[in-house]
Amino acid sequence: MKETFNELVAYLKNPVLEEDTNTNINYRITKFGHLLIISLLTGLATSVLIGALDEFGLVNMDDHQMEEMMKSLSKTMIFVMAVVIAPLLEEVIFRAPLTAFKKGKQFRIAFYTLAILFGLVHITNYNLTTNVLLFAPILVLPQLLLGGYLGFIRVRFGLLWSILLHAAYNGILMGGALIFGFE
Protein backbone atom coordinates (compact mmCIF):
# COMPACT_ATOMS: atom_id res chain seq x y z
CA MET A 1 0.00 0.00 0.00
CA LYS A 2 2.78 2.43 0.94
CA GLU A 3 4.53 1.67 -2.34
CA THR A 4 1.38 2.41 -4.33
CA PHE A 5 0.82 5.64 -2.38
CA ASN A 6 4.40 6.79 -3.02
CA GLU A 7 4.13 5.87 -6.70
CA LEU A 8 0.86 7.79 -6.95
CA VAL A 9 2.27 10.91 -5.26
CA ALA A 10 5.37 10.85 -7.50
CA TYR A 11 3.14 10.45 -10.54
CA LEU A 12 0.84 13.31 -9.56
CA LYS A 13 3.88 15.57 -9.17
CA ASN A 14 5.12 14.68 -12.64
CA PRO A 15 2.56 12.80 -14.75
CA VAL A 16 3.94 11.02 -17.79
CA LEU A 17 2.26 9.03 -20.53
CA GLU A 18 3.73 5.67 -19.62
CA GLU A 19 1.80 2.43 -19.36
CA ASP A 20 2.68 -0.04 -16.62
CA THR A 21 4.36 -2.98 -18.34
CA ASN A 22 3.38 -5.43 -15.59
CA THR A 23 0.22 -7.03 -16.98
CA ASN A 24 -0.12 -9.64 -14.24
CA ILE A 25 -3.77 -9.57 -13.16
CA ASN A 26 -2.98 -10.11 -9.46
CA TYR A 27 -0.55 -7.17 -9.55
CA ARG A 28 -3.17 -4.97 -11.20
CA ILE A 29 -5.97 -6.00 -8.85
CA THR A 30 -3.71 -5.29 -5.88
CA LYS A 31 -2.82 -1.82 -7.22
CA PHE A 32 -6.51 -1.24 -7.97
CA GLY A 33 -7.43 -2.15 -4.39
CA HIS A 34 -4.74 0.14 -3.01
CA LEU A 35 -5.95 3.01 -5.19
CA LEU A 36 -9.54 2.40 -4.12
CA ILE A 37 -8.55 2.54 -0.44
CA ILE A 38 -6.46 5.68 -1.03
CA SER A 39 -9.39 7.27 -2.90
CA LEU A 40 -11.85 6.46 -0.13
CA LEU A 41 -9.51 7.66 2.63
CA THR A 42 -8.77 10.97 0.91
CA GLY A 43 -12.47 11.37 0.12
CA LEU A 44 -13.24 10.84 3.79
CA ALA A 45 -10.50 13.22 4.91
CA THR A 46 -11.63 15.98 2.56
CA SER A 47 -15.27 15.49 3.55
CA VAL A 48 -14.27 16.64 7.04
CA LEU A 49 -13.33 20.02 5.52
CA ILE A 50 -16.64 20.16 3.66
CA GLY A 51 -18.50 19.23 6.84
CA ALA A 52 -16.75 22.08 8.64
CA LEU A 53 -17.98 24.54 6.00
CA ASP A 54 -21.51 23.27 6.61
CA GLU A 55 -21.11 23.31 10.40
CA PHE A 56 -19.94 26.94 10.37
CA GLY A 57 -22.85 27.92 8.14
CA LEU A 58 -20.63 28.83 5.20
CA VAL A 59 -22.27 26.31 2.87
CA ASN A 60 -25.64 24.63 3.22
CA MET A 61 -25.22 20.94 2.41
CA ASP A 62 -28.99 20.53 2.46
CA ASP A 63 -28.92 22.41 -0.86
CA HIS A 64 -26.78 19.68 -2.46
CA GLN A 65 -28.26 18.14 -5.60
CA MET A 66 -27.93 14.68 -4.07
CA GLU A 67 -30.59 15.67 -1.55
CA GLU A 68 -32.97 16.46 -4.39
CA MET A 69 -32.16 13.25 -6.23
CA MET A 70 -32.81 11.21 -3.10
CA LYS A 71 -36.28 12.75 -2.87
CA SER A 72 -37.23 12.36 -6.53
CA LEU A 73 -35.59 9.13 -7.78
CA SER A 74 -35.60 5.54 -6.63
CA LYS A 75 -32.56 4.17 -4.82
CA THR A 76 -31.98 1.77 -7.71
CA MET A 77 -31.99 4.59 -10.27
CA ILE A 78 -29.62 6.71 -8.18
CA PHE A 79 -27.27 3.76 -7.74
CA VAL A 80 -27.28 2.98 -11.50
CA MET A 81 -26.66 6.61 -12.35
CA ALA A 82 -23.78 6.92 -9.87
CA VAL A 83 -22.16 3.53 -10.41
CA VAL A 84 -22.72 2.84 -14.10
CA ILE A 85 -23.71 5.92 -16.08
CA ALA A 86 -21.55 8.60 -14.42
CA PRO A 87 -18.32 6.56 -14.44
CA LEU A 88 -18.77 5.58 -18.09
CA LEU A 89 -19.57 9.09 -19.28
CA GLU A 90 -17.09 10.93 -17.09
CA GLU A 91 -14.20 8.58 -17.86
CA VAL A 92 -14.82 8.81 -21.60
CA ILE A 93 -14.94 12.61 -21.36
CA PHE A 94 -12.17 13.27 -18.83
CA ARG A 95 -9.76 10.33 -19.05
CA ALA A 96 -10.05 8.80 -22.53
CA PRO A 97 -8.44 11.81 -24.25
CA LEU A 98 -5.30 11.63 -22.10
CA THR A 99 -3.40 9.28 -24.40
CA ALA A 100 -3.92 11.63 -27.35
CA PHE A 101 -1.33 13.97 -25.82
CA LYS A 102 2.02 12.35 -26.65
CA LYS A 103 4.53 15.08 -25.77
CA GLY A 104 5.59 15.43 -22.14
CA LYS A 105 4.56 19.03 -21.52
CA GLN A 106 1.33 18.68 -23.52
CA PHE A 107 0.47 15.54 -21.60
CA ARG A 108 1.09 17.16 -18.21
CA ILE A 109 -1.05 20.15 -19.12
CA ALA A 110 -3.82 17.86 -20.41
CA PHE A 111 -3.59 15.62 -17.32
CA TYR A 112 -3.92 18.50 -14.86
CA THR A 113 -6.52 20.35 -16.96
CA LEU A 114 -8.78 17.31 -17.27
CA ALA A 115 -8.44 16.48 -13.56
CA ILE A 116 -9.33 20.08 -12.64
CA LEU A 117 -12.25 20.18 -15.07
CA PHE A 118 -13.51 16.87 -13.65
CA GLY A 119 -13.44 18.40 -10.19
CA LEU A 120 -15.02 21.67 -11.21
CA VAL A 121 -17.86 19.99 -13.07
CA HIS A 122 -18.95 18.62 -9.71
CA ILE A 123 -19.60 22.13 -8.38
CA THR A 124 -22.90 21.78 -10.23
CA ASN A 125 -23.92 19.38 -7.45
CA TYR A 126 -24.41 22.49 -5.32
CA ASN A 127 -26.88 25.30 -5.67
CA LEU A 128 -24.54 28.04 -6.74
CA THR A 129 -24.20 30.84 -4.24
CA THR A 130 -21.39 33.28 -3.56
CA ASN A 131 -20.09 31.06 -0.75
CA VAL A 132 -20.26 27.93 -2.88
CA LEU A 133 -18.17 29.68 -5.52
CA LEU A 134 -15.74 31.04 -2.92
CA PHE A 135 -15.29 27.62 -1.34
CA ALA A 136 -15.40 25.68 -4.62
CA PRO A 137 -11.79 24.45 -4.32
CA ILE A 138 -12.65 22.81 -1.00
CA LEU A 139 -16.08 21.60 -2.09
CA VAL A 140 -14.68 19.80 -5.14
CA LEU A 141 -11.39 18.74 -3.53
CA PRO A 142 -12.50 15.08 -3.31
CA GLN A 143 -13.22 15.08 -7.05
CA LEU A 144 -10.02 16.97 -7.90
CA LEU A 145 -7.96 14.33 -6.11
CA LEU A 146 -10.02 11.50 -7.54
CA GLY A 147 -9.50 12.96 -11.00
CA GLY A 148 -5.75 12.63 -10.50
CA TYR A 149 -6.05 9.08 -9.20
CA LEU A 150 -8.31 8.08 -12.09
CA GLY A 151 -5.91 9.68 -14.55
CA PHE A 152 -3.06 7.70 -13.01
CA ILE A 153 -4.78 4.32 -13.33
CA ARG A 154 -6.10 5.20 -16.79
CA VAL A 155 -2.61 5.90 -18.11
CA ARG A 156 -0.91 3.04 -16.27
CA PHE A 157 -3.52 0.29 -16.86
CA GLY A 158 -6.04 1.57 -19.42
CA LEU A 159 -9.46 3.22 -19.63
CA LEU A 160 -11.40 0.19 -18.40
CA TRP A 161 -9.49 0.31 -15.10
CA SER A 162 -10.35 3.97 -14.53
CA ILE A 163 -14.01 3.23 -15.25
CA LEU A 164 -13.91 0.35 -12.76
CA LEU A 165 -12.15 2.42 -10.09
CA HIS A 166 -14.62 5.26 -10.55
CA ALA A 167 -17.55 2.83 -10.37
CA ALA A 168 -16.19 1.10 -7.26
CA TYR A 169 -15.55 4.43 -5.52
CA ASN A 170 -19.03 5.73 -6.33
CA GLY A 171 -20.58 2.37 -5.51
CA ILE A 172 -19.11 2.25 -2.03
CA LEU A 173 -20.03 5.85 -1.26
CA MET A 174 -23.51 5.63 -2.77
CA GLY A 175 -24.16 2.24 -1.25
CA GLY A 176 -23.32 3.61 2.18
CA ALA A 177 -25.39 6.75 1.62
CA LEU A 178 -28.38 4.78 0.39
CA ILE A 179 -28.20 2.22 3.16
CA PHE A 180 -27.33 4.44 6.10
CA GLY A 181 -27.90 8.04 5.16
CA PHE A 182 -31.20 8.48 3.42
CA GLU A 183 -34.80 7.32 3.68
C-alpha atoms as a PDB file:
ATOM      1  CA  MET A   1       0.000   0.000   0.000  1.00  0.00           C
ATOM      2  CA  LYS A   2       2.775   2.430   0.943  1.00  0.00           C
ATOM      3  CA  GLU A   3       4.534   1.674  -2.343  1.00  0.00           C
ATOM      4  CA  THR A   4       1.380   2.410  -4.329  1.00  0.00           C
ATOM      5  CA  PHE A   5       0.819   5.637  -2.384  1.00  0.00           C
ATOM      6  CA  ASN A   6       4.401   6.793  -3.020  1.00  0.00           C
ATOM      7  CA  GLU A   7       4.129   5.866  -6.700  1.00  0.00           C
ATOM      8  CA  LEU A   8       0.861   7.794  -6.951  1.00  0.00           C
ATOM      9  CA  VAL A   9       2.274  10.908  -5.263  1.00  0.00           C
ATOM     10  CA  ALA A  10       5.366  10.855  -7.503  1.00  0.00           C
ATOM     11  CA  TYR A  11       3.136  10.448 -10.538  1.00  0.00           C
ATOM     12  CA  LEU A  12       0.840  13.310  -9.563  1.00  0.00           C
ATOM     13  CA  LYS A  13       3.878  15.565  -9.167  1.00  0.00           C
ATOM     14  CA  ASN A  14       5.116  14.682 -12.642  1.00  0.00           C
ATOM     15  CA  PRO A  15       2.565  12.798 -14.746  1.00  0.00           C
ATOM     16  CA  VAL A  16       3.940  11.016 -17.791  1.00  0.00           C
ATOM     17  CA  LEU A  17       2.260   9.033 -20.530  1.00  0.00           C
ATOM     18  CA  GLU A  18       3.726   5.670 -19.617  1.00  0.00           C
ATOM     19  CA  GLU A  19       1.798   2.429 -19.364  1.00  0.00           C
ATOM     20  CA  ASP A  20       2.679  -0.043 -16.616  1.00  0.00           C
ATOM     21  CA  THR A  21       4.358  -2.984 -18.340  1.00  0.00           C
ATOM     22  CA  ASN A  22       3.380  -5.428 -15.594  1.00  0.00           C
ATOM     23  CA  THR A  23       0.220  -7.027 -16.977  1.00  0.00           C
ATOM     24  CA  ASN A  24      -0.121  -9.637 -14.236  1.00  0.00           C
ATOM     25  CA  ILE A  25      -3.766  -9.568 -13.156  1.00  0.00           C
ATOM     26  CA  ASN A  26      -2.977 -10.113  -9.460  1.00  0.00           C
ATOM     27  CA  TYR A  27      -0.553  -7.175  -9.547  1.00  0.00           C
ATOM     28  CA  ARG A  28      -3.170  -4.967 -11.197  1.00  0.00           C
ATOM     29  CA  ILE A  29      -5.968  -6.002  -8.855  1.00  0.00           C
ATOM     30  CA  THR A  30      -3.709  -5.289  -5.875  1.00  0.00           C
ATOM     31  CA  LYS A  31      -2.822  -1.819  -7.220  1.00  0.00           C
ATOM     32  CA  PHE A  32      -6.505  -1.237  -7.972  1.00  0.00           C
ATOM     33  CA  GLY A  33      -7.428  -2.146  -4.388  1.00  0.00           C
ATOM     34  CA  HIS A  34      -4.744   0.139  -3.005  1.00  0.00           C
ATOM     35  CA  LEU A  35      -5.951   3.014  -5.188  1.00  0.00           C
ATOM     36  CA  LEU A  36      -9.537   2.402  -4.119  1.00  0.00           C
ATOM     37  CA  ILE A  37      -8.547   2.542  -0.444  1.00  0.00           C
ATOM     38  CA  ILE A  38      -6.462   5.684  -1.030  1.00  0.00           C
ATOM     39  CA  SER A  39      -9.388   7.271  -2.899  1.00  0.00           C
ATOM     40  CA  LEU A  40     -11.847   6.459  -0.129  1.00  0.00           C
ATOM     41  CA  LEU A  41      -9.510   7.663   2.627  1.00  0.00           C
ATOM     42  CA  THR A  42      -8.767  10.966   0.910  1.00  0.00           C
ATOM     43  CA  GLY A  43     -12.473  11.368   0.120  1.00  0.00           C
ATOM     44  CA  LEU A  44     -13.245  10.843   3.793  1.00  0.00           C
ATOM     45  CA  ALA A  45     -10.499  13.225   4.912  1.00  0.00           C
ATOM     46  CA  THR A  46     -11.633  15.981   2.558  1.00  0.00           C
ATOM     47  CA  SER A  47     -15.266  15.486   3.553  1.00  0.00           C
ATOM     48  CA  VAL A  48     -14.269  16.640   7.035  1.00  0.00           C
ATOM     49  CA  LEU A  49     -13.333  20.024   5.520  1.00  0.00           C
ATOM     50  CA  ILE A  50     -16.637  20.162   3.659  1.00  0.00           C
ATOM     51  CA  GLY A  51     -18.499  19.233   6.842  1.00  0.00           C
ATOM     52  CA  ALA A  52     -16.748  22.078   8.641  1.00  0.00           C
ATOM     53  CA  LEU A  53     -17.983  24.538   6.003  1.00  0.00           C
ATOM     54  CA  ASP A  54     -21.507  23.268   6.607  1.00  0.00           C
ATOM     55  CA  GLU A  55     -21.108  23.307  10.396  1.00  0.00           C
ATOM     56  CA  PHE A  56     -19.937  26.936  10.368  1.00  0.00           C
ATOM     57  CA  GLY A  57     -22.855  27.917   8.140  1.00  0.00           C
ATOM     58  CA  LEU A  58     -20.633  28.825   5.197  1.00  0.00           C
ATOM     59  CA  VAL A  59     -22.269  26.310   2.867  1.00  0.00           C
ATOM     60  CA  ASN A  60     -25.636  24.628   3.221  1.00  0.00           C
ATOM     61  CA  MET A  61     -25.218  20.940   2.411  1.00  0.00           C
ATOM     62  CA  ASP A  62     -28.987  20.530   2.463  1.00  0.00           C
ATOM     63  CA  ASP A  63     -28.922  22.406  -0.859  1.00  0.00           C
ATOM     64  CA  HIS A  64     -26.782  19.676  -2.458  1.00  0.00           C
ATOM     65  CA  GLN A  65     -28.263  18.141  -5.596  1.00  0.00           C
ATOM     66  CA  MET A  66     -27.929  14.683  -4.070  1.00  0.00           C
ATOM     67  CA  GLU A  67     -30.590  15.666  -1.548  1.00  0.00           C
ATOM     68  CA  GLU A  68     -32.972  16.459  -4.391  1.00  0.00           C
ATOM     69  CA  MET A  69     -32.156  13.246  -6.230  1.00  0.00           C
ATOM     70  CA  MET A  70     -32.808  11.214  -3.096  1.00  0.00           C
ATOM     71  CA  LYS A  71     -36.280  12.747  -2.871  1.00  0.00           C
ATOM     72  CA  SER A  72     -37.228  12.361  -6.532  1.00  0.00           C
ATOM     73  CA  LEU A  73     -35.592   9.134  -7.776  1.00  0.00           C
ATOM     74  CA  SER A  74     -35.599   5.542  -6.633  1.00  0.00           C
ATOM     75  CA  LYS A  75     -32.561   4.171  -4.817  1.00  0.00           C
ATOM     76  CA  THR A  76     -31.984   1.775  -7.705  1.00  0.00           C
ATOM     77  CA  MET A  77     -31.985   4.589 -10.269  1.00  0.00           C
ATOM     78  CA  ILE A  78     -29.618   6.710  -8.180  1.00  0.00           C
ATOM     79  CA  PHE A  79     -27.271   3.762  -7.743  1.00  0.00           C
ATOM     80  CA  VAL A  80     -27.285   2.976 -11.495  1.00  0.00           C
ATOM     81  CA  MET A  81     -26.659   6.612 -12.355  1.00  0.00           C
ATOM     82  CA  ALA A  82     -23.784   6.922  -9.869  1.00  0.00           C
ATOM     83  CA  VAL A  83     -22.163   3.535 -10.408  1.00  0.00           C
ATOM     84  CA  VAL A  84     -22.722   2.842 -14.104  1.00  0.00           C
ATOM     85  CA  ILE A  85     -23.712   5.920 -16.081  1.00  0.00           C
ATOM     86  CA  ALA A  86     -21.553   8.603 -14.418  1.00  0.00           C
ATOM     87  CA  PRO A  87     -18.315   6.557 -14.438  1.00  0.00           C
ATOM     88  CA  LEU A  88     -18.772   5.577 -18.085  1.00  0.00           C
ATOM     89  CA  LEU A  89     -19.565   9.094 -19.283  1.00  0.00           C
ATOM     90  CA  GLU A  90     -17.088  10.925 -17.091  1.00  0.00           C
ATOM     91  CA  GLU A  91     -14.200   8.577 -17.858  1.00  0.00           C
ATOM     92  CA  VAL A  92     -14.822   8.812 -21.600  1.00  0.00           C
ATOM     93  CA  ILE A  93     -14.942  12.608 -21.359  1.00  0.00           C
ATOM     94  CA  PHE A  94     -12.166  13.274 -18.827  1.00  0.00           C
ATOM     95  CA  ARG A  95      -9.759  10.325 -19.054  1.00  0.00           C
ATOM     96  CA  ALA A  96     -10.054   8.796 -22.527  1.00  0.00           C
ATOM     97  CA  PRO A  97      -8.443  11.813 -24.253  1.00  0.00           C
ATOM     98  CA  LEU A  98      -5.296  11.629 -22.104  1.00  0.00           C
ATOM     99  CA  THR A  99      -3.399   9.277 -24.400  1.00  0.00           C
ATOM    100  CA  ALA A 100      -3.920  11.631 -27.352  1.00  0.00           C
ATOM    101  CA  PHE A 101      -1.333  13.966 -25.824  1.00  0.00           C
ATOM    102  CA  LYS A 102       2.020  12.347 -26.654  1.00  0.00           C
ATOM    103  CA  LYS A 103       4.529  15.084 -25.766  1.00  0.00           C
ATOM    104  CA  GLY A 104       5.588  15.433 -22.141  1.00  0.00           C
ATOM    105  CA  LYS A 105       4.558  19.028 -21.517  1.00  0.00           C
ATOM    106  CA  GLN A 106       1.331  18.683 -23.517  1.00  0.00           C
ATOM    107  CA  PHE A 107       0.474  15.537 -21.602  1.00  0.00           C
ATOM    108  CA  ARG A 108       1.094  17.155 -18.208  1.00  0.00           C
ATOM    109  CA  ILE A 109      -1.055  20.149 -19.123  1.00  0.00           C
ATOM    110  CA  ALA A 110      -3.820  17.855 -20.406  1.00  0.00           C
ATOM    111  CA  PHE A 111      -3.586  15.618 -17.321  1.00  0.00           C
ATOM    112  CA  TYR A 112      -3.921  18.498 -14.862  1.00  0.00           C
ATOM    113  CA  THR A 113      -6.519  20.348 -16.960  1.00  0.00           C
ATOM    114  CA  LEU A 114      -8.776  17.312 -17.267  1.00  0.00           C
ATOM    115  CA  ALA A 115      -8.444  16.483 -13.555  1.00  0.00           C
ATOM    116  CA  ILE A 116      -9.330  20.083 -12.636  1.00  0.00           C
ATOM    117  CA  LEU A 117     -12.249  20.182 -15.068  1.00  0.00           C
ATOM    118  CA  PHE A 118     -13.508  16.874 -13.654  1.00  0.00           C
ATOM    119  CA  GLY A 119     -13.440  18.400 -10.185  1.00  0.00           C
ATOM    120  CA  LEU A 120     -15.019  21.675 -11.214  1.00  0.00           C
ATOM    121  CA  VAL A 121     -17.864  19.990 -13.075  1.00  0.00           C
ATOM    122  CA  HIS A 122     -18.950  18.624  -9.711  1.00  0.00           C
ATOM    123  CA  ILE A 123     -19.596  22.132  -8.377  1.00  0.00           C
ATOM    124  CA  THR A 124     -22.903  21.785 -10.226  1.00  0.00           C
ATOM    125  CA  ASN A 125     -23.919  19.376  -7.449  1.00  0.00           C
ATOM    126  CA  TYR A 126     -24.412  22.487  -5.323  1.00  0.00           C
ATOM    127  CA  ASN A 127     -26.885  25.297  -5.666  1.00  0.00           C
ATOM    128  CA  LEU A 128     -24.537  28.040  -6.744  1.00  0.00           C
ATOM    129  CA  THR A 129     -24.201  30.843  -4.236  1.00  0.00           C
ATOM    130  CA  THR A 130     -21.392  33.281  -3.562  1.00  0.00           C
ATOM    131  CA  ASN A 131     -20.094  31.065  -0.747  1.00  0.00           C
ATOM    132  CA  VAL A 132     -20.261  27.932  -2.885  1.00  0.00           C
ATOM    133  CA  LEU A 133     -18.174  29.680  -5.522  1.00  0.00           C
ATOM    134  CA  LEU A 134     -15.735  31.036  -2.922  1.00  0.00           C
ATOM    135  CA  PHE A 135     -15.285  27.619  -1.343  1.00  0.00           C
ATOM    136  CA  ALA A 136     -15.404  25.682  -4.622  1.00  0.00           C
ATOM    137  CA  PRO A 137     -11.791  24.453  -4.323  1.00  0.00           C
ATOM    138  CA  ILE A 138     -12.646  22.807  -0.999  1.00  0.00           C
ATOM    139  CA  LEU A 139     -16.079  21.596  -2.092  1.00  0.00           C
ATOM    140  CA  VAL A 140     -14.682  19.797  -5.135  1.00  0.00           C
ATOM    141  CA  LEU A 141     -11.392  18.739  -3.531  1.00  0.00           C
ATOM    142  CA  PRO A 142     -12.498  15.083  -3.312  1.00  0.00           C
ATOM    143  CA  GLN A 143     -13.220  15.075  -7.052  1.00  0.00           C
ATOM    144  CA  LEU A 144     -10.024  16.965  -7.898  1.00  0.00           C
ATOM    145  CA  LEU A 145      -7.959  14.333  -6.106  1.00  0.00           C
ATOM    146  CA  LEU A 146     -10.016  11.498  -7.536  1.00  0.00           C
ATOM    147  CA  GLY A 147      -9.505  12.957 -11.003  1.00  0.00           C
ATOM    148  CA  GLY A 148      -5.750  12.631 -10.496  1.00  0.00           C
ATOM    149  CA  TYR A 149      -6.054   9.077  -9.199  1.00  0.00           C
ATOM    150  CA  LEU A 150      -8.311   8.078 -12.093  1.00  0.00           C
ATOM    151  CA  GLY A 151      -5.908   9.679 -14.549  1.00  0.00           C
ATOM    152  CA  PHE A 152      -3.062   7.702 -13.008  1.00  0.00           C
ATOM    153  CA  ILE A 153      -4.784   4.325 -13.327  1.00  0.00           C
ATOM    154  CA  ARG A 154      -6.096   5.197 -16.789  1.00  0.00           C
ATOM    155  CA  VAL A 155      -2.613   5.900 -18.112  1.00  0.00           C
ATOM    156  CA  ARG A 156      -0.914   3.044 -16.274  1.00  0.00           C
ATOM    157  CA  PHE A 157      -3.516   0.287 -16.862  1.00  0.00           C
ATOM    158  CA  GLY A 158      -6.042   1.571 -19.418  1.00  0.00           C
ATOM    159  CA  LEU A 159      -9.461   3.222 -19.627  1.00  0.00           C
ATOM    160  CA  LEU A 160     -11.401   0.190 -18.397  1.00  0.00           C
ATOM    161  CA  TRP A 161      -9.489   0.306 -15.099  1.00  0.00           C
ATOM    162  CA  SER A 162     -10.345   3.967 -14.535  1.00  0.00           C
ATOM    163  CA  ILE A 163     -14.009   3.235 -15.252  1.00  0.00           C
ATOM    164  CA  LEU A 164     -13.913   0.350 -12.760  1.00  0.00           C
ATOM    165  CA  LEU A 165     -12.155   2.424 -10.085  1.00  0.00           C
ATOM    166  CA  HIS A 166     -14.624   5.264 -10.555  1.00  0.00           C
ATOM    167  CA  ALA A 167     -17.553   2.830 -10.375  1.00  0.00           C
ATOM    168  CA  ALA A 168     -16.193   1.100  -7.264  1.00  0.00           C
ATOM    169  CA  TYR A 169     -15.553   4.426  -5.521  1.00  0.00           C
ATOM    170  CA  ASN A 170     -19.031   5.734  -6.331  1.00  0.00           C
ATOM    171  CA  GLY A 171     -20.575   2.372  -5.513  1.00  0.00           C
ATOM    172  CA  ILE A 172     -19.111   2.246  -2.030  1.00  0.00           C
ATOM    173  CA  LEU A 173     -20.034   5.850  -1.255  1.00  0.00           C
ATOM    174  CA  MET A 174     -23.515   5.630  -2.765  1.00  0.00           C
ATOM    175  CA  GLY A 175     -24.162   2.236  -1.247  1.00  0.00           C
ATOM    176  CA  GLY A 176     -23.323   3.614   2.181  1.00  0.00           C
ATOM    177  CA  ALA A 177     -25.392   6.749   1.620  1.00  0.00           C
ATOM    178  CA  LEU A 178     -28.378   4.781   0.387  1.00  0.00           C
ATOM    179  CA  ILE A 179     -28.203   2.217   3.164  1.00  0.00           C
ATOM    180  CA  PHE A 180     -27.332   4.441   6.105  1.00  0.00           C
ATOM    181  CA  GLY A 181     -27.904   8.044   5.156  1.00  0.00           C
ATOM    182  CA  PHE A 182     -31.201   8.478   3.422  1.00  0.00           C
ATOM    183  CA  GLU A 183     -34.798   7.324   3.677  1.00  0.00           C
END
